[in-house]
């Protein structure tokens, strides 16, 4: 699925962005160390396991000897990732040769976790105490329902139910960058990023929301490292198992209330105790976005006559389809739409691209058509792209015109200089004129000044 520029690639990117002190504190939790190990590229995992019991520093040359000639690029990616996460620290000697040393906190806790196994701070409650547990199917339905209700509120849609408990201040945090409002009289409107956000899959949307939630944690008096630690720890819980609320700190309980609104956990009340039940959204938090195993089942069938049938009863699906199509009528479990030139022009004006629409239709193709190649008729995808190109026939590029050169040598030198910088747009050799991108105006000005001297 195409991802807009503001979405974090995965949880570990957020972990790597933490200050060194907070990152080292995170590694005191053995489950965080295991989550880091799981997230690493295959070659980086191999280095971690091979160096786990090596106390001395290891030279960069020695590590390069472990790799074949055609694997140098993967080697550099692996080393860079380990340094970003402070699993390895790099030092340069007087000869400027690099050596790597293992993070002692990470190494010690990962050793203990591998040898003795890890024990979560809380164990599942006995089945005879936590009764009336939802089935995994019911829990999935609950998570989807909560998540869709949250997204409808995020869109400020009239279709949103009013049963949500998310505070207005917290909702503003999530809506930052997705909605805009010129004044108090007009209702908020989706921004270009907001429209793109709605076309992404659930995993990508969840990562954006989690990133915003973490980046604004300091404003709520919650340490970002503590929040990340709890979220990663939550991903090691078993889906559908009950865990006692009394095992949580006050900060973790407050976090849990927000996670309930997002559909990551479900709260239940017994006669004596209360417990929370993690959903798949919570236990998949440490999985990379590139993991295709979490792909949801599709619901859209597109025909060659530009008619679209969405087999869904979701209000959210209907609102998303309205972004680029005309909804003609809606039955209890079927939404009938038409992809028209007017509906697509409206989508393009809001910043949605043809590739995003095509990708959305392909990713959400109904199982009956998902196995076909192509899953969306070619005449439909080609026409969507053609209608987008109609709006982009002329591309505006800021530029400067240069003429009246003192000599042909200066003119040709200027052309060569602009060409080397990738800024030459047009040249007329007879009249000694050229048009250069405004991006290199300063460099061009300095070059011509030197030519005069």
Protein backbone atom coordinates (compact mmCIF):
# COMPACT_ATOMS: atom_id res chain seq x y z
CA UNK A 1 0.00 0.00 0.00
CA UNK A 2 1.44 3.44 -0.78
CA UNK A 3 2.49 5.23 2.35
CA UNK A 4 2.52 8.94 2.85
CA UNK A 5 5.69 10.58 4.00
CA UNK A 6 4.68 11.07 7.65
CA UNK A 7 4.20 7.38 8.49
CA UNK A 8 6.95 5.68 10.51
CA UNK A 9 8.20 2.59 8.71
CA UNK A 10 8.02 0.45 11.85
CA UNK A 11 8.16 0.57 15.63
CA UNK A 12 11.94 0.22 15.67
CA UNK A 13 12.38 3.51 13.80
CA UNK A 14 10.69 5.19 16.76
CA UNK A 15 12.88 3.26 19.19
CA UNK A 16 16.03 4.32 17.30
CA UNK A 17 14.98 7.98 17.49
CA UNK A 18 15.06 7.97 21.31
CA UNK A 19 17.96 9.67 23.14
CA UNK A 20 20.82 7.37 24.11
CA UNK A 21 20.00 7.51 27.85
CA UNK A 22 16.36 6.45 27.32
CA UNK A 23 17.39 3.78 24.82
CA UNK A 24 19.80 2.23 27.30
CA UNK A 25 17.06 2.26 29.93
CA UNK A 26 14.76 0.41 27.55
CA UNK A 27 17.29 -2.40 27.22
CA UNK A 28 16.95 -3.18 30.91
CA UNK A 29 13.75 -4.99 29.88
CA UNK A 30 14.62 -8.39 28.37
CA UNK A 31 11.44 -8.42 26.25
CA UNK A 32 12.50 -5.18 24.60
CA UNK A 33 15.81 -6.84 23.72
CA UNK A 34 13.96 -9.77 22.15
CA UNK A 35 11.68 -7.40 20.22
CA UNK A 36 14.77 -5.59 18.89
CA UNK A 37 16.32 -8.91 17.86
CA UNK A 38 13.15 -9.95 16.03
CA UNK A 39 13.02 -6.67 14.10
CA UNK A 40 16.60 -6.81 12.77
CA UNK A 41 17.54 -7.77 9.19
CA UNK A 42 18.68 -11.43 8.91
CA UNK A 43 22.39 -10.55 8.67
CA UNK A 44 22.15 -8.22 11.68
CA UNK A 45 20.55 -11.04 13.71
CA UNK A 46 23.48 -13.28 12.78
CA UNK A 47 25.98 -10.68 14.01
CA UNK A 48 24.12 -10.23 17.30
CA UNK A 49 24.06 -13.96 18.02
CA UNK A 50 27.71 -14.47 17.00
CA UNK A 51 28.96 -11.53 19.09
CA UNK A 52 26.65 -12.09 22.06
CA UNK A 53 29.36 -13.67 24.23
CA UNK A 54 32.32 -11.64 22.93
CA UNK A 55 33.43 -9.12 25.56
CA UNK A 56 36.19 -7.45 23.53
CA UNK A 57 35.78 -4.90 20.77
CA UNK A 58 35.61 -6.32 17.23
CA UNK A 59 37.23 -4.57 14.29
CA UNK A 60 35.25 -3.61 11.22
CA UNK A 61 37.72 -5.50 9.02
CA UNK A 62 37.02 -8.74 10.91
CA UNK A 63 33.26 -8.42 10.38
CA UNK A 64 33.77 -7.72 6.68
CA UNK A 65 35.72 -11.00 6.38
CA UNK A 66 32.56 -12.86 7.39
CA UNK A 67 30.73 -11.56 4.30
CA UNK A 68 31.05 -12.61 0.66
CA UNK A 69 31.84 -9.95 -1.92
CA UNK A 70 28.26 -9.74 -3.19
CA UNK A 71 26.91 -9.21 0.34
CA UNK A 72 28.73 -5.99 1.22
CA UNK A 73 25.61 -3.83 0.72
CA UNK A 74 23.58 -6.03 3.10
CA UNK A 75 26.50 -5.93 5.55
CA UNK A 76 26.45 -2.11 5.61
CA UNK A 77 22.67 -2.04 6.13
CA UNK A 78 22.98 -4.50 9.03
CA UNK A 79 25.79 -2.57 10.73
CA UNK A 80 24.00 0.78 10.28
CA UNK A 81 20.85 -0.65 11.85
CA UNK A 82 22.74 -2.01 14.85
CA UNK A 83 24.47 1.33 15.39
CA UNK A 84 21.17 3.28 15.07
CA UNK A 85 19.65 1.11 17.79
CA UNK A 86 22.80 1.39 19.93
CA UNK A 87 23.15 -2.38 19.98
CA UNK A 88 26.68 -1.72 18.74
CA UNK A 89 28.75 1.37 19.46
CA UNK A 90 31.38 2.46 16.94
CA UNK A 91 34.77 3.93 17.85
CA UNK A 92 37.63 5.13 15.63
CA UNK A 93 41.28 4.71 16.58
CA UNK A 94 44.17 6.96 15.59
CA UNK A 95 44.43 5.27 12.21
CA UNK A 96 40.69 5.95 11.76
CA UNK A 97 39.92 2.24 11.71
CA UNK A 98 36.47 1.39 13.13
CA UNK A 99 35.83 -1.07 15.93
CA UNK A 100 32.48 -2.18 17.34
CA UNK A 101 31.55 -3.01 20.90
CA UNK A 102 28.31 -4.59 22.16
CA UNK A 103 25.98 -2.52 24.33
CA UNK A 104 26.62 -4.15 27.76
CA UNK A 105 23.04 -3.72 29.02
CA UNK A 106 21.55 -5.18 25.84
CA UNK A 107 24.02 -8.08 25.79
CA UNK A 108 23.51 -9.03 29.45
CA UNK A 109 19.70 -9.01 29.30
CA UNK A 110 19.54 -10.82 25.95
CA UNK A 111 21.90 -13.51 27.33
CA UNK A 112 19.61 -14.04 30.32
CA UNK A 113 16.53 -14.10 28.08
CA UNK A 114 18.01 -16.71 25.73
CA UNK A 115 19.41 -18.96 28.48
CA UNK A 116 16.67 -18.75 31.11
CA UNK A 117 13.68 -17.54 29.08
CA UNK A 118 11.62 -14.47 29.82
CA UNK A 119 8.78 -14.06 32.27
CA UNK A 120 6.27 -11.26 31.73
CA UNK A 121 5.49 -9.02 34.73
CA UNK A 122 2.02 -10.53 34.65
CA UNK A 123 0.62 -13.98 33.95
CA UNK A 124 -2.79 -14.77 32.42
CA UNK A 125 -5.56 -15.13 34.96
CA UNK A 126 -6.93 -18.64 35.70
CA UNK A 127 -9.89 -19.62 33.53
CA UNK A 128 -12.09 -20.26 36.57
CA UNK A 129 -11.70 -16.59 37.65
CA UNK A 130 -11.92 -14.79 34.33
CA UNK A 131 -15.20 -16.10 32.97
CA UNK A 132 -17.26 -14.90 30.00
CA UNK A 133 -14.17 -14.37 27.86
CA UNK A 134 -14.89 -13.40 24.24
CA UNK A 135 -13.96 -15.87 21.51
CA UNK A 136 -11.15 -14.93 19.12
CA UNK A 137 -13.74 -14.19 16.40
CA UNK A 138 -15.70 -11.92 18.74
CA UNK A 139 -12.48 -10.22 19.81
CA UNK A 140 -11.51 -9.56 16.18
CA UNK A 141 -14.95 -8.12 15.49
CA UNK A 142 -14.66 -5.89 18.57
CA UNK A 143 -11.21 -4.63 17.51
CA UNK A 144 -12.41 -3.82 13.99
CA UNK A 145 -15.55 -2.10 15.31
CA UNK A 146 -13.59 0.04 17.77
CA UNK A 147 -10.95 0.95 15.19
CA UNK A 148 -13.53 1.94 12.57
CA UNK A 149 -15.47 3.99 15.11
CA UNK A 150 -12.24 5.77 16.05
CA UNK A 151 -11.42 6.52 12.39
CA UNK A 152 -14.92 7.91 11.79
CA UNK A 153 -14.42 10.28 14.72
CA UNK A 154 -11.01 11.13 13.34
CA UNK A 155 -12.67 12.11 10.05
CA UNK A 156 -15.24 14.11 12.02
CA UNK A 157 -17.85 12.10 10.15
CA UNK A 158 -21.57 12.28 10.88
CA UNK A 159 -21.59 8.47 10.66
CA UNK A 160 -19.51 8.16 13.84
CA UNK A 161 -21.25 6.77 16.88
CA UNK A 162 -21.25 8.98 19.96
CA UNK A 163 -20.24 6.21 22.35
CA UNK A 164 -16.50 6.89 22.21
CA UNK A 165 -14.68 8.01 25.35
CA UNK A 166 -11.73 9.68 23.62
CA UNK A 167 -11.20 13.16 25.02
CA UNK A 168 -11.37 16.14 22.68
CA UNK A 169 -7.77 17.08 23.52
CA UNK A 170 -6.55 13.57 22.64
CA UNK A 171 -8.58 13.56 19.42
CA UNK A 172 -6.92 16.85 18.40
CA UNK A 173 -3.54 15.18 18.85
CA UNK A 174 -4.53 12.40 16.45
CA UNK A 175 -6.15 14.82 13.99
CA UNK A 176 -3.02 16.96 13.78
CA UNK A 177 -1.96 17.03 10.15
CA UNK A 178 -5.07 15.15 9.02
CA UNK A 179 -7.69 17.87 9.49
CA UNK A 180 -7.63 21.61 8.97
CA UNK A 181 -10.05 24.32 10.06
CA UNK A 182 -9.96 27.92 8.79
CA UNK A 183 -12.22 29.31 11.52
CA UNK A 184 -14.58 28.13 14.26
CA UNK A 185 -17.67 28.62 12.09
CA UNK A 186 -16.64 26.09 9.44
CA UNK A 187 -16.36 22.37 10.25
CA UNK A 188 -12.87 20.78 10.01
CA UNK A 189 -11.88 19.38 6.62
CA UNK A 190 -9.53 16.59 5.67
CA UNK A 191 -6.09 17.70 4.48
CA UNK A 192 -4.21 16.09 1.60
CA UNK A 193 -2.40 13.87 4.11
CA UNK A 194 -5.75 13.02 5.71
CA UNK A 195 -7.19 11.73 2.45
CA UNK A 196 -4.06 9.67 1.82
CA UNK A 197 -4.20 8.33 5.39
CA UNK A 198 -7.69 6.89 4.88
CA UNK A 199 -6.60 4.90 1.81
CA UNK A 200 -3.80 3.13 3.70
CA UNK A 201 -4.23 -0.32 5.22
CA UNK A 202 -4.98 -0.80 8.91
CA UNK A 203 -1.35 -1.55 9.87
CA UNK A 204 -0.06 1.66 8.26
CA UNK A 205 -2.84 3.71 9.88
CA UNK A 206 -2.14 2.15 13.27
CA UNK A 207 1.56 3.01 13.03
CA UNK A 208 0.76 6.64 12.27
CA UNK A 209 -1.60 6.88 15.25
CA UNK A 210 0.87 5.13 17.57
CA UNK A 211 3.66 7.44 16.42
CA UNK A 212 1.54 10.52 17.14
CA UNK A 213 0.53 9.05 20.50
CA UNK A 214 4.18 8.49 21.47
CA UNK A 215 5.51 11.79 20.11
CA UNK A 216 2.97 13.73 22.22
CA UNK A 217 3.41 11.64 25.37
CA UNK A 218 5.60 14.24 27.10
CA UNK A 219 2.70 16.74 26.96
CA UNK A 220 0.61 14.28 28.97
CA UNK A 221 3.35 13.75 31.55
CA UNK A 222 4.26 10.26 30.26
CA UNK A 223 7.85 9.36 29.46
CA UNK A 224 8.19 8.21 25.83
CA UNK A 225 10.55 5.38 26.80
CA UNK A 226 8.06 4.04 29.40
CA UNK A 227 5.25 4.21 26.82
CA UNK A 228 7.25 2.38 24.14
CA UNK A 229 8.34 -0.21 26.71
CA UNK A 230 4.74 -0.93 27.72
CA UNK A 231 3.51 -1.11 24.11
CA UNK A 232 6.30 -3.50 23.08
CA UNK A 233 5.74 -5.57 26.21
CA UNK A 234 2.04 -5.72 25.34
CA UNK A 235 2.91 -7.28 21.98
CA UNK A 236 4.27 -10.36 23.83
CA UNK A 237 0.93 -11.06 25.50
CA UNK A 238 -1.33 -13.79 24.16
CA UNK A 239 -4.31 -12.70 22.09
CA UNK A 240 -7.56 -13.41 23.91
CA UNK A 241 -5.94 -14.18 27.29
CA UNK A 242 -7.13 -12.16 30.36
CA UNK A 243 -4.58 -10.19 32.43
CA UNK A 244 -5.28 -8.66 35.83
CA UNK A 245 -5.49 -4.86 35.90
CA UNK A 246 -4.01 -4.81 39.40
CA UNK A 247 -0.62 -5.77 37.91
CA UNK A 248 -0.42 -2.41 36.09
CA UNK A 249 0.93 0.87 37.36
CA UNK A 250 -1.25 4.01 37.38
CA UNK A 251 0.48 5.29 34.22
CA UNK A 252 -0.07 1.98 32.44
CA UNK A 253 -3.76 2.01 33.41
CA UNK A 254 -4.18 5.46 31.87
CA UNK A 255 -2.45 4.26 28.71
CA UNK A 256 -4.72 1.23 28.64
CA UNK A 257 -7.82 3.45 28.59
CA UNK A 258 -6.61 5.05 25.36
CA UNK A 259 -5.76 1.65 23.88
CA UNK A 260 -9.33 0.49 24.58
CA UNK A 261 -10.68 3.32 22.42
CA UNK A 262 -8.33 2.27 19.62
CA UNK A 263 -9.44 -1.37 19.81
CA UNK A 264 -6.06 -2.70 20.98
CA UNK A 265 -7.44 -4.16 24.22
CA UNK A 266 -10.83 -4.94 25.74
CA UNK A 267 -11.66 -4.34 29.40
CA UNK A 268 -13.88 -6.71 31.37
CA UNK A 269 -15.24 -6.56 34.91
CA UNK A 270 -15.68 -9.58 37.19
CA UNK A 271 -17.18 -9.87 40.65
CA UNK A 272 -13.89 -9.13 42.40
CA UNK A 273 -11.26 -8.38 39.80
CA UNK A 274 -11.02 -6.53 36.50
CA UNK A 275 -8.91 -7.65 33.57
CA UNK A 276 -7.91 -6.65 30.07
CA UNK A 277 -7.82 -8.84 26.97
CA UNK A 278 -5.34 -7.94 24.17
CA UNK A 279 -6.58 -8.06 20.56
CA UNK A 280 -4.54 -8.81 17.45
CA UNK A 281 -3.92 -5.09 16.96
CA UNK A 282 -1.95 -5.07 20.22
CA UNK A 283 -0.06 -8.36 19.81
CA UNK A 284 0.99 -7.38 16.25
CA UNK A 285 2.45 -4.02 17.31
CA UNK A 286 6.07 -5.14 16.90
CA UNK A 287 5.48 -6.63 13.43
CA UNK A 288 6.90 -4.72 10.47
CA UNK A 289 4.52 -3.04 8.06
CA UNK A 290 6.02 -5.08 5.28
CA UNK A 291 4.63 -8.28 6.79
CA UNK A 292 1.96 -9.51 4.40
CA UNK A 293 0.55 -12.08 6.83
CA UNK A 294 -1.62 -9.40 8.45
CA UNK A 295 -3.35 -8.62 5.16
CA UNK A 296 -7.06 -8.22 5.67
CA UNK A 297 -9.69 -9.91 3.53
CA UNK A 298 -10.83 -7.78 0.61
CA UNK A 299 -14.36 -6.68 -0.14
CA UNK A 300 -14.30 -4.77 -3.46
CA UNK A 301 -15.24 -6.01 -6.95
CA UNK A 302 -14.60 -3.64 -9.87
CA UNK A 303 -16.19 -4.33 -13.26
CA UNK A 304 -15.08 -3.22 -16.72
CA UNK A 305 -18.03 -0.78 -16.93
CA UNK A 306 -16.57 1.18 -13.93
CA UNK A 307 -19.23 -0.17 -11.58
CA UNK A 308 -17.90 -1.10 -8.15
CA UNK A 309 -19.52 -3.47 -5.65
CA UNK A 310 -18.30 -3.42 -2.04
CA UNK A 311 -19.50 -6.37 0.03
CA UNK A 312 -19.40 -4.67 3.41
CA UNK A 313 -21.70 -3.31 6.09
CA UNK A 314 -18.99 -0.98 7.43
CA UNK A 315 -19.80 2.72 7.63
CA UNK A 316 -16.08 3.45 7.36
CA UNK A 317 -15.77 1.56 4.08
CA UNK A 318 -18.64 3.58 2.67
CA UNK A 319 -17.00 6.86 3.70
CA UNK A 320 -13.68 5.81 2.15
CA UNK A 321 -15.33 4.82 -1.15
CA UNK A 322 -16.97 8.24 -1.27
CA UNK A 323 -13.49 9.77 -1.51
CA UNK A 324 -13.06 8.67 -5.14
CA UNK A 325 -16.38 7.26 -6.35
CA UNK A 326 -20.10 8.05 -6.43
CA UNK A 327 -22.10 5.91 -3.99
CA UNK A 328 -25.38 5.08 -5.74
CA UNK A 329 -27.13 3.01 -3.11
CA UNK A 330 -26.36 0.97 -0.02
CA UNK A 331 -27.89 -2.30 1.16
CA UNK A 332 -27.30 -3.95 4.56
CA UNK A 333 -24.21 -5.79 3.29
CA UNK A 334 -23.56 -4.23 -0.13
CA UNK A 335 -22.42 -0.80 -1.33
CA UNK A 336 -22.88 -0.07 -5.04
CA UNK A 337 -20.67 2.68 -6.49
CA UNK A 338 -19.59 4.12 -9.82
CA UNK A 339 -16.11 5.40 -10.63
CA UNK A 340 -16.69 8.56 -12.65
CA UNK A 341 -14.51 11.31 -14.09
CA UNK A 342 -16.09 13.85 -11.73
CA UNK A 343 -15.57 11.72 -8.60
CA UNK A 344 -11.93 11.10 -9.51
CA UNK A 345 -11.27 14.78 -10.26
CA UNK A 346 -12.58 15.56 -6.78
CA UNK A 347 -10.18 13.00 -5.31
CA UNK A 348 -7.22 14.34 -7.30
CA UNK A 349 -7.94 17.88 -6.11
CA UNK A 350 -7.68 16.65 -2.50
CA UNK A 351 -4.21 15.20 -3.12
CA UNK A 352 -5.13 11.55 -3.69
CA UNK A 353 -3.12 10.08 -6.57
CA UNK A 354 -4.22 7.59 -9.21
CA UNK A 355 -1.65 5.07 -7.97
CA UNK A 356 -3.07 5.23 -4.46
CA UNK A 357 -6.60 4.58 -5.72
CA UNK A 358 -5.48 1.69 -7.94
CA UNK A 359 -3.42 0.20 -5.12
CA UNK A 360 -6.37 0.51 -2.71
CA UNK A 361 -8.63 -1.35 -5.15
CA UNK A 362 -6.01 -4.08 -5.66
CA UNK A 363 -5.23 -4.50 -1.95
CA UNK A 364 -8.92 -4.71 -1.06
CA UNK A 365 -10.05 -6.93 -3.93
CA UNK A 366 -12.72 -9.48 -2.98
CA UNK A 367 -11.38 -13.07 -2.61
CA UNK A 368 -13.39 -14.09 -5.71
CA UNK A 369 -11.36 -11.71 -7.89
CA UNK A 370 -8.17 -11.30 -5.82
CA UNK A 371 -6.55 -14.34 -7.48
CA UNK A 372 -7.15 -12.98 -10.98
CA UNK A 373 -4.38 -11.21 -12.85
CA UNK A 374 -5.15 -8.36 -12.88
CA UNK A 375 -7.59 -8.21 -9.96
CA UNK A 376 -8.86 -4.82 -11.20
CA UNK A 377 -9.72 -4.55 -14.95
CA UNK A 378 -6.94 -2.92 -16.94
CA UNK A 379 -9.28 -0.56 -18.78
CA UNK A 380 -10.36 0.86 -15.38
CA UNK A 381 -6.83 1.32 -14.00
CA UNK A 382 -5.60 2.81 -17.30
CA UNK A 383 -8.49 5.26 -17.41
CA UNK A 384 -7.93 6.35 -13.80
CA UNK A 385 -4.31 7.16 -14.67
CA UNK A 386 -5.35 8.95 -17.89
CA UNK A 387 -7.87 11.14 -16.05
CA UNK A 388 -5.13 12.08 -13.59
CA UNK A 389 -2.76 12.98 -16.43
CA UNK A 390 -5.44 15.33 -17.84
CA UNK A 391 -4.93 17.53 -14.79
CA UNK A 392 -1.13 17.44 -15.08
CA UNK A 393 -0.59 18.42 -18.71
CA UNK A 394 1.46 21.48 -17.77
CA UNK A 395 4.13 21.34 -15.09
CA UNK A 396 5.25 24.65 -13.60
CA UNK A 397 8.95 24.93 -12.75
CA UNK A 398 10.43 28.18 -11.31
CA UNK A 399 13.27 29.24 -13.60
CA UNK A 400 15.48 32.12 -14.77
CA UNK A 401 16.24 33.28 -18.34
CA UNK A 402 19.84 34.21 -19.19
CA UNK A 403 20.80 36.12 -22.36
CA UNK A 404 23.20 38.82 -23.64
CA UNK A 405 26.32 36.77 -22.94
CA UNK A 406 29.61 38.61 -23.68
CA UNK A 407 30.94 35.73 -25.81
CA UNK A 408 30.03 32.28 -27.08
CA UNK A 409 32.66 30.68 -24.85
CA UNK A 410 30.98 32.12 -21.75
CA UNK A 411 27.57 31.00 -23.04
CA UNK A 412 28.71 27.40 -23.69
CA UNK A 413 30.50 27.26 -20.33
CA UNK A 414 27.31 28.41 -18.62
CA UNK A 415 25.31 25.72 -20.46
CA UNK A 416 27.80 23.05 -19.38
CA UNK A 417 27.72 24.29 -15.77
CA UNK A 418 23.89 24.25 -15.63
CA UNK A 419 23.82 20.82 -17.28
CA UNK A 420 26.25 19.37 -14.71
CA UNK A 421 24.03 20.65 -11.87
CA UNK A 422 20.93 19.19 -13.52
CA UNK A 423 19.35 22.61 -13.83
CA UNK A 424 19.34 23.23 -17.60
CA UNK A 425 15.76 23.40 -18.92
CA UNK A 426 16.16 24.99 -22.39
CA UNK A 427 18.87 26.51 -24.59
CA UNK A 428 18.95 28.43 -27.88
CA UNK A 429 22.45 28.29 -29.35
CA UNK A 430 21.78 30.78 -32.16
CA UNK A 431 20.52 33.58 -29.89
CA UNK A 432 22.71 32.47 -26.95
CA UNK A 433 19.86 32.14 -24.49
CA UNK A 434 19.22 29.53 -21.83
CA UNK A 435 16.66 28.83 -19.12
CA UNK A 436 17.90 27.42 -15.81
CA UNK A 437 16.01 26.10 -12.77
CA UNK A 438 15.66 28.58 -9.93
CA UNK A 439 17.10 25.95 -7.56
CA UNK A 440 20.65 26.66 -8.76
CA UNK A 441 20.30 30.45 -9.10
CA UNK A 442 22.94 31.15 -6.42
CA UNK A 443 25.47 28.76 -7.94
CA UNK A 444 24.81 30.12 -11.43
CA UNK A 445 25.23 33.69 -10.24
CA UNK A 446 28.58 32.89 -8.63
CA UNK A 447 29.75 31.04 -11.76
CA UNK A 448 28.92 33.99 -14.05
CA UNK A 449 30.62 36.39 -11.65
CA UNK A 450 33.81 34.34 -11.86
CA UNK A 451 33.58 34.32 -15.66
CA UNK A 452 33.48 38.13 -15.75
CA UNK A 453 36.61 38.30 -13.61
